[in-house]
Amino acid sequence: ARRGYMHKEDIKNLGLSELKKIIESIGAPGYRAKQIFAWIYKKGVYSFKAMDNLPRPLLDGLERDYYIGAFESSEHLMSRDRTEKFLFGLSDGNFIETVLIFGKDRKTICLSTQVGCKFACPFCASGRMGFVRDLTSSEIIEQILFLQRMIGHKMTNYVFMGMGEPLDNYKNTSKAVLIMNEKQGLAIGARRITISTCGVIPGIKNLSGLGPQVNLSVSLHASNDRLRDRLVPINKKYPLEGLVEACGQYIKKTNRMITLEYVLIRGENDSLEDAEGLAAIAKRLRAKVNLIEYSPVPGRGFKPPIKKDIDFFMARLLNKKIKTTLRISKGADIQAACGQLSGKRKA
């Protein structure tokens, strides 16, 4: 069984209000839900027996239908630049990867939301294996809990930029975000959470009404439909104009600035014309631009840009008064950089 315990479900799939309803249906007072949340998310316990301030009949009732799932790391790689990559085996034999990135005063966890990816961007490793399944909200959350348990302290930033497309798994991604943000849960401020999408327009619309004002990043990678159809095939379903419009509505509704992610690939999307097109979109949305140097994926045939082209491209954007940063890809030597995550085939 996928959840590992045949008929049982991981209790971390329940939001606070759902847990409260279940507890009340067992005949216990609803406030016990907050106590259980505190045991799981604040104290990090993995057994109901450890919850020593809760009545036994309630714990027995929960244990009949639920368990508290824990990940074990199948592989842990460390990069020369301190980036760490974890391979997690799931209960159905599939695998996902999670990355921990160290900055000067930041510690960022890069979270996966799906096994594989259905959007098959040709320069990315995750889409290579095709789409297998969505992660449950408990499997998304457990990536954070494992790292807290293992390294003993919290991350500063949480980015949904690992394997899969977060907004294609909107139900479980949004539930995970609510548990992360919940005061009784992980109590992570919404401003420290970033969701990255390749352009799933319905998901962007849903996200604007979620509640917690998380950051939105849009993986653009091309500033015209012809090129984007090739580099980001979802563009055929949700073309650029509709995507830019949806981003505009998101900004209007949430009053938040968005980031346009742009992976620079040599000879593909790094020309003057590309820079001008990107600047026009960024200006229209009053968005920041995050340039990322392409990290090679074996067998893909794409190349990283040369330094003078990066400098030229960036100078063009800055010249147009676009707030632009160059993200230094980390962990390339352990295939942990942007676009390199692939998990591995089933065990």
Protein backbone atom coordinates (compact mmCIF):
# COMPACT_ATOMS: atom_id res chain seq x y z
CA ALA A 1 0.00 0.00 0.00
CA ARG A 2 1.24 3.46 -0.84
CA ARG A 3 0.87 4.77 2.67
CA GLY A 4 2.83 1.89 4.07
CA TYR A 5 0.37 0.85 6.76
CA MET A 6 -2.23 -0.82 4.50
CA HIS A 7 -5.45 0.86 5.69
CA LYS A 8 -3.88 3.69 7.71
CA GLU A 9 -3.18 7.27 6.64
CA ASP A 10 -0.32 9.56 7.67
CA ILE A 11 -1.86 12.02 10.13
CA LYS A 12 0.31 14.78 8.60
CA ASN A 13 -2.11 14.74 5.65
CA LEU A 14 -4.64 16.47 7.92
CA GLY A 15 -4.85 20.23 8.36
CA LEU A 16 -5.69 21.59 11.83
CA SER A 17 -9.42 22.01 11.15
CA GLU A 18 -9.71 18.49 9.65
CA LEU A 19 -7.92 16.99 12.64
CA LYS A 20 -10.22 18.92 14.99
CA LYS A 21 -13.31 17.43 13.29
CA ILE A 22 -11.92 13.90 13.52
CA ILE A 23 -11.07 14.34 17.20
CA GLU A 24 -14.55 15.65 17.94
CA SER A 25 -16.07 12.69 16.07
CA ILE A 26 -14.13 10.37 18.44
CA GLY A 27 -15.82 12.26 21.31
CA ALA A 28 -12.82 14.30 22.52
CA PRO A 29 -12.70 18.13 22.77
CA GLY A 30 -11.47 19.93 19.62
CA TYR A 31 -8.64 21.75 21.42
CA ARG A 32 -6.76 18.43 21.53
CA ALA A 33 -5.98 18.96 17.80
CA LYS A 34 -3.67 21.86 18.70
CA GLN A 35 -1.89 19.69 21.24
CA ILE A 36 -1.37 16.92 18.67
CA PHE A 37 -0.09 19.48 16.13
CA ALA A 38 2.35 20.77 18.74
CA TRP A 39 3.65 17.24 19.43
CA ILE A 40 4.21 16.54 15.74
CA TYR A 41 5.43 19.90 14.44
CA LYS A 42 7.00 21.57 17.47
CA LYS A 43 8.39 18.61 19.39
CA GLY A 44 8.93 16.36 16.36
CA VAL A 45 7.54 13.10 17.77
CA TYR A 46 6.81 10.11 15.54
CA SER A 47 4.65 8.01 17.85
CA PHE A 48 1.29 8.62 19.50
CA LYS A 49 2.61 6.94 22.65
CA ALA A 50 5.04 9.86 23.17
CA MET A 51 2.11 12.32 23.53
CA ASP A 52 1.99 11.96 27.31
CA ASN A 53 -0.45 14.79 28.08
CA LEU A 54 -3.25 13.27 25.97
CA PRO A 55 -5.85 10.71 27.12
CA ARG A 56 -5.14 7.12 26.14
CA PRO A 57 -8.58 6.44 24.56
CA LEU A 58 -8.09 9.37 22.16
CA LEU A 59 -4.62 8.16 21.15
CA ASP A 60 -5.90 4.59 20.71
CA GLY A 61 -8.74 5.93 18.54
CA LEU A 62 -6.31 7.85 16.34
CA GLU A 63 -3.87 4.96 16.13
CA ARG A 64 -6.57 2.76 14.61
CA ASP A 65 -6.72 4.91 11.46
CA TYR A 66 -3.51 6.98 11.43
CA TYR A 67 0.25 6.77 11.81
CA ILE A 68 3.03 9.38 11.83
CA GLY A 69 5.21 8.63 8.81
CA ALA A 70 8.96 9.24 8.83
CA PHE A 71 11.43 9.44 5.96
CA GLU A 72 14.80 7.76 5.93
CA SER A 73 17.51 9.06 3.64
CA SER A 74 18.56 6.52 0.99
CA GLU A 75 21.47 8.71 -0.07
CA HIS A 76 23.03 11.91 1.26
CA LEU A 77 25.50 13.77 -0.97
CA MET A 78 27.57 16.82 -0.06
CA SER A 79 28.85 19.29 -2.62
CA ARG A 80 32.14 21.19 -2.61
CA ASP A 81 30.09 24.38 -2.04
CA ARG A 82 28.32 22.84 1.04
CA THR A 83 25.05 22.12 -0.80
CA GLU A 84 23.52 18.88 0.44
CA LYS A 85 21.21 16.56 -1.49
CA PHE A 86 18.99 13.90 0.05
CA LEU A 87 17.37 10.99 -1.77
CA PHE A 88 14.23 9.75 -0.02
CA GLY A 89 12.62 6.38 -0.70
CA LEU A 90 8.82 6.61 -0.47
CA SER A 91 6.61 3.84 0.87
CA ASP A 92 5.57 2.76 -2.65
CA GLY A 93 9.18 2.30 -3.85
CA ASN A 94 9.44 5.65 -5.66
CA PHE A 95 12.14 8.23 -4.89
CA ILE A 96 12.33 12.01 -4.57
CA GLU A 97 15.21 14.42 -3.98
CA THR A 98 15.42 17.37 -1.61
CA VAL A 99 18.23 19.94 -1.55
CA LEU A 100 19.63 22.08 1.26
CA ILE A 101 21.45 25.22 0.08
CA PHE A 102 23.66 27.35 2.32
CA GLY A 103 23.99 31.08 1.64
CA LYS A 104 25.78 33.76 3.65
CA ASP A 105 23.00 34.14 6.19
CA ARG A 106 20.46 31.79 4.65
CA LYS A 107 19.71 28.13 4.79
CA THR A 108 17.24 27.21 2.06
CA ILE A 109 15.40 23.93 1.60
CA CYS A 110 14.34 23.12 -1.96
CA LEU A 111 11.18 20.97 -1.75
CA SER A 112 9.80 18.45 -4.24
CA THR A 113 6.03 18.17 -4.83
CA GLN A 114 5.79 15.31 -7.36
CA VAL A 115 7.57 12.13 -8.35
CA GLY A 116 8.79 13.11 -11.81
CA CYS A 117 7.13 15.91 -13.74
CA LYS A 118 4.66 15.99 -16.64
CA PHE A 119 5.89 19.21 -18.24
CA ALA A 120 9.04 17.84 -19.89
CA CYS A 121 11.12 21.00 -20.31
CA PRO A 122 13.94 19.70 -22.56
CA PHE A 123 16.76 21.19 -20.46
CA CYS A 124 15.53 19.76 -17.13
CA ALA A 125 16.21 16.32 -15.61
CA SER A 126 12.98 15.99 -13.60
CA GLY A 127 10.76 15.71 -16.67
CA ARG A 128 12.93 12.99 -18.14
CA MET A 129 11.39 10.23 -16.07
CA GLY A 130 7.88 11.40 -16.94
CA PHE A 131 5.19 11.90 -14.33
CA VAL A 132 4.64 9.18 -11.75
CA ARG A 133 2.41 10.73 -9.08
CA ASP A 134 1.71 13.70 -6.84
CA LEU A 135 3.27 13.78 -3.38
CA THR A 136 0.84 13.88 -0.49
CA SER A 137 0.97 16.91 1.80
CA SER A 138 2.58 14.70 4.49
CA GLU A 139 5.38 13.73 2.06
CA ILE A 140 5.99 17.40 1.27
CA ILE A 141 6.06 18.35 4.97
CA GLU A 142 8.20 15.34 5.93
CA GLN A 143 11.08 16.70 3.81
CA ILE A 144 11.22 19.67 6.22
CA LEU A 145 10.76 17.58 9.35
CA PHE A 146 13.53 15.19 8.31
CA LEU A 147 16.02 18.03 7.88
CA GLN A 148 14.98 19.64 11.16
CA ARG A 149 15.44 16.31 12.87
CA MET A 150 18.76 15.64 11.16
CA ILE A 151 20.43 19.03 11.34
CA GLY A 152 18.67 20.07 14.53
CA HIS A 153 17.61 23.57 13.56
CA LYS A 154 15.31 25.36 11.20
CA MET A 155 15.87 26.54 7.68
CA THR A 156 15.45 30.25 6.93
CA ASN A 157 13.84 29.87 3.48
CA TYR A 158 11.55 27.29 1.92
CA VAL A 159 11.30 27.07 -1.86
CA PHE A 160 9.01 24.79 -3.84
CA MET A 161 11.51 24.36 -6.66
CA GLY A 162 12.44 20.68 -6.44
CA MET A 163 11.01 17.83 -8.51
CA GLY A 164 7.59 18.41 -10.04
CA GLU A 165 5.31 21.39 -10.62
CA PRO A 166 3.84 22.62 -7.30
CA LEU A 167 0.73 24.18 -8.85
CA ASP A 168 -0.08 20.99 -10.77
CA ASN A 169 -0.40 19.38 -7.32
CA TYR A 170 -2.25 22.39 -5.94
CA LYS A 171 -4.40 20.57 -3.39
CA ASN A 172 -1.49 18.94 -1.54
CA THR A 173 0.96 21.83 -2.05
CA SER A 174 -1.50 24.37 -0.65
CA LYS A 175 -2.33 22.13 2.32
CA ALA A 176 1.39 21.73 3.05
CA VAL A 177 1.81 25.53 2.90
CA LEU A 178 -1.06 26.02 5.38
CA ILE A 179 0.49 23.51 7.82
CA MET A 180 3.89 25.21 7.40
CA ASN A 181 2.34 28.61 8.07
CA GLU A 182 0.00 27.48 10.88
CA LYS A 183 0.99 28.90 14.26
CA GLN A 184 0.39 25.53 15.92
CA GLY A 185 2.18 23.79 13.03
CA LEU A 186 5.64 24.75 11.78
CA ALA A 187 4.94 28.49 12.27
CA ILE A 188 6.90 29.51 9.16
CA GLY A 189 6.18 33.07 7.99
CA ALA A 190 4.58 33.21 4.52
CA ARG A 191 7.26 35.62 3.30
CA ARG A 192 9.86 32.88 3.79
CA ILE A 193 7.97 30.49 1.48
CA THR A 194 8.32 30.67 -2.33
CA ILE A 195 6.26 28.68 -4.82
CA SER A 196 7.72 28.35 -8.29
CA THR A 197 5.58 27.53 -11.33
CA CYS A 198 6.34 27.00 -15.01
CA GLY A 199 3.04 28.72 -15.79
CA VAL A 200 0.00 26.72 -14.61
CA ILE A 201 -2.54 29.55 -14.93
CA PRO A 202 -5.41 27.96 -12.90
CA GLY A 203 -2.93 27.30 -10.06
CA ILE A 204 -1.78 30.94 -10.08
CA LYS A 205 -5.43 32.03 -9.78
CA ASN A 206 -6.02 29.61 -6.89
CA LEU A 207 -2.85 30.69 -5.12
CA SER A 208 -3.93 34.34 -5.11
CA GLY A 209 -6.82 33.36 -2.80
CA LEU A 210 -4.92 30.96 -0.53
CA GLY A 211 -4.53 33.23 2.51
CA PRO A 212 -0.87 33.15 3.49
CA GLN A 213 0.89 35.60 1.17
CA VAL A 214 3.69 33.40 -0.07
CA ASN A 215 6.14 34.54 -2.75
CA LEU A 216 5.45 33.53 -6.34
CA SER A 217 8.21 32.77 -8.84
CA VAL A 218 7.42 32.17 -12.51
CA SER A 219 9.87 30.12 -14.60
CA LEU A 220 9.78 32.11 -17.82
CA HIS A 221 13.01 31.07 -19.67
CA ALA A 222 11.82 32.70 -22.92
CA SER A 223 10.15 35.98 -23.82
CA ASN A 224 8.31 34.90 -26.97
CA ASP A 225 5.88 32.04 -27.68
CA ARG A 226 7.95 30.43 -30.43
CA LEU A 227 10.95 29.87 -28.16
CA ARG A 228 8.90 29.18 -25.04
CA ASP A 229 6.86 26.48 -26.83
CA ARG A 230 10.15 24.64 -27.27
CA LEU A 231 11.86 25.34 -23.92
CA VAL A 232 8.76 25.25 -21.69
CA PRO A 233 6.18 23.08 -23.52
CA ILE A 234 3.32 24.02 -21.14
CA ASN A 235 3.38 27.29 -23.10
CA LYS A 236 1.39 25.53 -25.85
CA LYS A 237 -1.45 25.10 -23.36
CA TYR A 238 -1.00 28.40 -21.50
CA PRO A 239 0.68 30.87 -23.92
CA LEU A 240 2.75 33.82 -22.72
CA GLU A 241 0.10 36.54 -23.02
CA GLY A 242 -2.36 34.61 -20.84
CA LEU A 243 0.39 33.84 -18.33
CA VAL A 244 1.48 37.48 -18.09
CA GLU A 245 -2.17 38.49 -17.65
CA ALA A 246 -2.68 35.91 -14.85
CA CYS A 247 0.48 37.20 -13.14
CA GLY A 248 -0.86 40.74 -13.41
CA GLN A 249 -4.12 39.68 -11.74
CA TYR A 250 -2.16 37.86 -9.03
CA ILE A 251 -0.14 41.02 -8.30
CA LYS A 252 -3.30 43.13 -8.22
CA LYS A 253 -5.07 40.76 -5.84
CA THR A 254 -2.19 40.09 -3.44
CA ASN A 255 -0.21 43.32 -3.79
CA ARG A 256 2.96 41.20 -3.90
CA MET A 257 5.91 41.55 -6.23
CA ILE A 258 6.64 38.42 -8.26
CA THR A 259 9.97 37.07 -9.54
CA LEU A 260 10.59 35.97 -13.11
CA GLU A 261 13.06 33.08 -13.19
CA TYR A 262 15.15 32.89 -16.36
CA VAL A 263 17.67 30.10 -16.99
CA LEU A 264 20.28 31.35 -19.47
CA ILE A 265 21.18 28.70 -22.06
CA ARG A 266 23.97 29.37 -24.53
CA GLY A 267 22.72 30.20 -28.02
CA GLU A 268 19.08 29.50 -27.08
CA ASN A 269 17.73 32.44 -25.07
CA ASP A 270 20.69 34.71 -24.31
CA SER A 271 20.57 37.22 -27.20
CA LEU A 272 19.96 40.96 -27.11
CA GLU A 273 16.47 40.38 -28.51
CA ASP A 274 15.74 37.91 -25.67
CA ALA A 275 16.92 40.46 -23.09
CA GLU A 276 14.71 43.17 -24.61
CA GLY A 277 11.68 40.85 -24.57
CA LEU A 278 12.28 39.83 -20.96
CA ALA A 279 12.72 43.46 -19.92
CA ALA A 280 9.38 44.36 -21.53
CA ILE A 281 7.53 41.62 -19.60
CA ALA A 282 9.28 42.49 -16.33
CA LYS A 283 8.45 46.18 -16.78
CA ARG A 284 4.80 45.40 -17.49
CA LEU A 285 4.54 43.32 -14.30
CA ARG A 286 6.93 45.47 -12.22
CA ALA A 287 8.61 42.14 -11.50
CA LYS A 288 12.10 41.24 -10.35
CA VAL A 289 14.22 39.04 -12.60
CA ASN A 290 16.33 36.19 -11.31
CA LEU A 291 18.87 35.03 -13.91
CA ILE A 292 20.19 31.50 -13.47
CA GLU A 293 23.15 30.05 -15.29
CA TYR A 294 22.14 26.77 -16.92
CA SER A 295 23.54 23.71 -15.14
CA PRO A 296 24.21 20.91 -17.66
CA VAL A 297 22.07 17.79 -17.52
CA PRO A 298 23.78 14.69 -19.02
CA GLY A 299 22.44 13.77 -22.44
CA ARG A 300 20.49 16.99 -22.92
CA GLY A 301 22.88 18.78 -25.30
CA PHE A 302 22.34 22.28 -23.89
CA LYS A 303 25.30 24.39 -22.76
CA PRO A 304 25.79 27.01 -20.04
CA PRO A 305 26.21 30.59 -21.28
CA ILE A 306 29.63 32.23 -21.48
CA LYS A 307 30.45 34.92 -18.94
CA LYS A 308 30.49 37.84 -21.36
CA ASP A 309 26.98 36.91 -22.60
CA ILE A 310 25.68 36.73 -19.02
CA ASP A 311 27.22 40.14 -18.24
CA PHE A 312 25.81 41.64 -21.44
CA PHE A 313 22.32 40.20 -20.81
CA MET A 314 22.27 41.39 -17.21
CA ALA A 315 23.58 44.86 -18.13
CA ARG A 316 20.78 45.20 -20.66
CA LEU A 317 18.13 44.48 -18.00
CA LEU A 318 19.73 46.80 -15.44
CA ASN A 319 19.96 49.47 -18.11
CA LYS A 320 16.17 49.19 -18.48
CA LYS A 321 15.83 49.70 -14.70
CA ILE A 322 14.77 46.09 -14.09
CA LYS A 323 15.69 44.79 -10.63
CA THR A 324 17.91 41.85 -11.59
CA THR A 325 19.93 39.31 -9.66
CA LEU A 326 22.15 36.50 -10.89
CA ARG A 327 21.60 33.33 -8.91
CA ILE A 328 24.74 31.30 -8.61
CA SER A 329 23.71 27.68 -9.13
CA LYS A 330 24.98 25.51 -6.33
CA GLY A 331 25.51 21.79 -6.03
CA ALA A 332 26.21 21.09 -9.72
CA ASP A 333 28.95 18.58 -8.83
CA ILE A 334 26.32 16.38 -7.11
CA GLN A 335 23.58 17.02 -9.72
CA ALA A 336 21.71 19.18 -7.18
CA ALA A 337 21.58 22.46 -9.12
CA CYS A 338 18.54 24.00 -10.77
CA GLY A 339 17.00 21.52 -13.23
CA GLN A 340 19.25 18.60 -12.26
CA LEU A 341 16.98 16.75 -9.82
CA SER A 342 15.71 13.43 -11.08
CA GLY A 343 15.20 11.14 -8.09
CA LYS A 344 15.70 7.72 -9.57
CA ARG A 345 13.65 4.87 -10.87
CA LYS A 346 11.57 2.73 -8.58
CA ALA A 347 13.47 0.43 -6.24
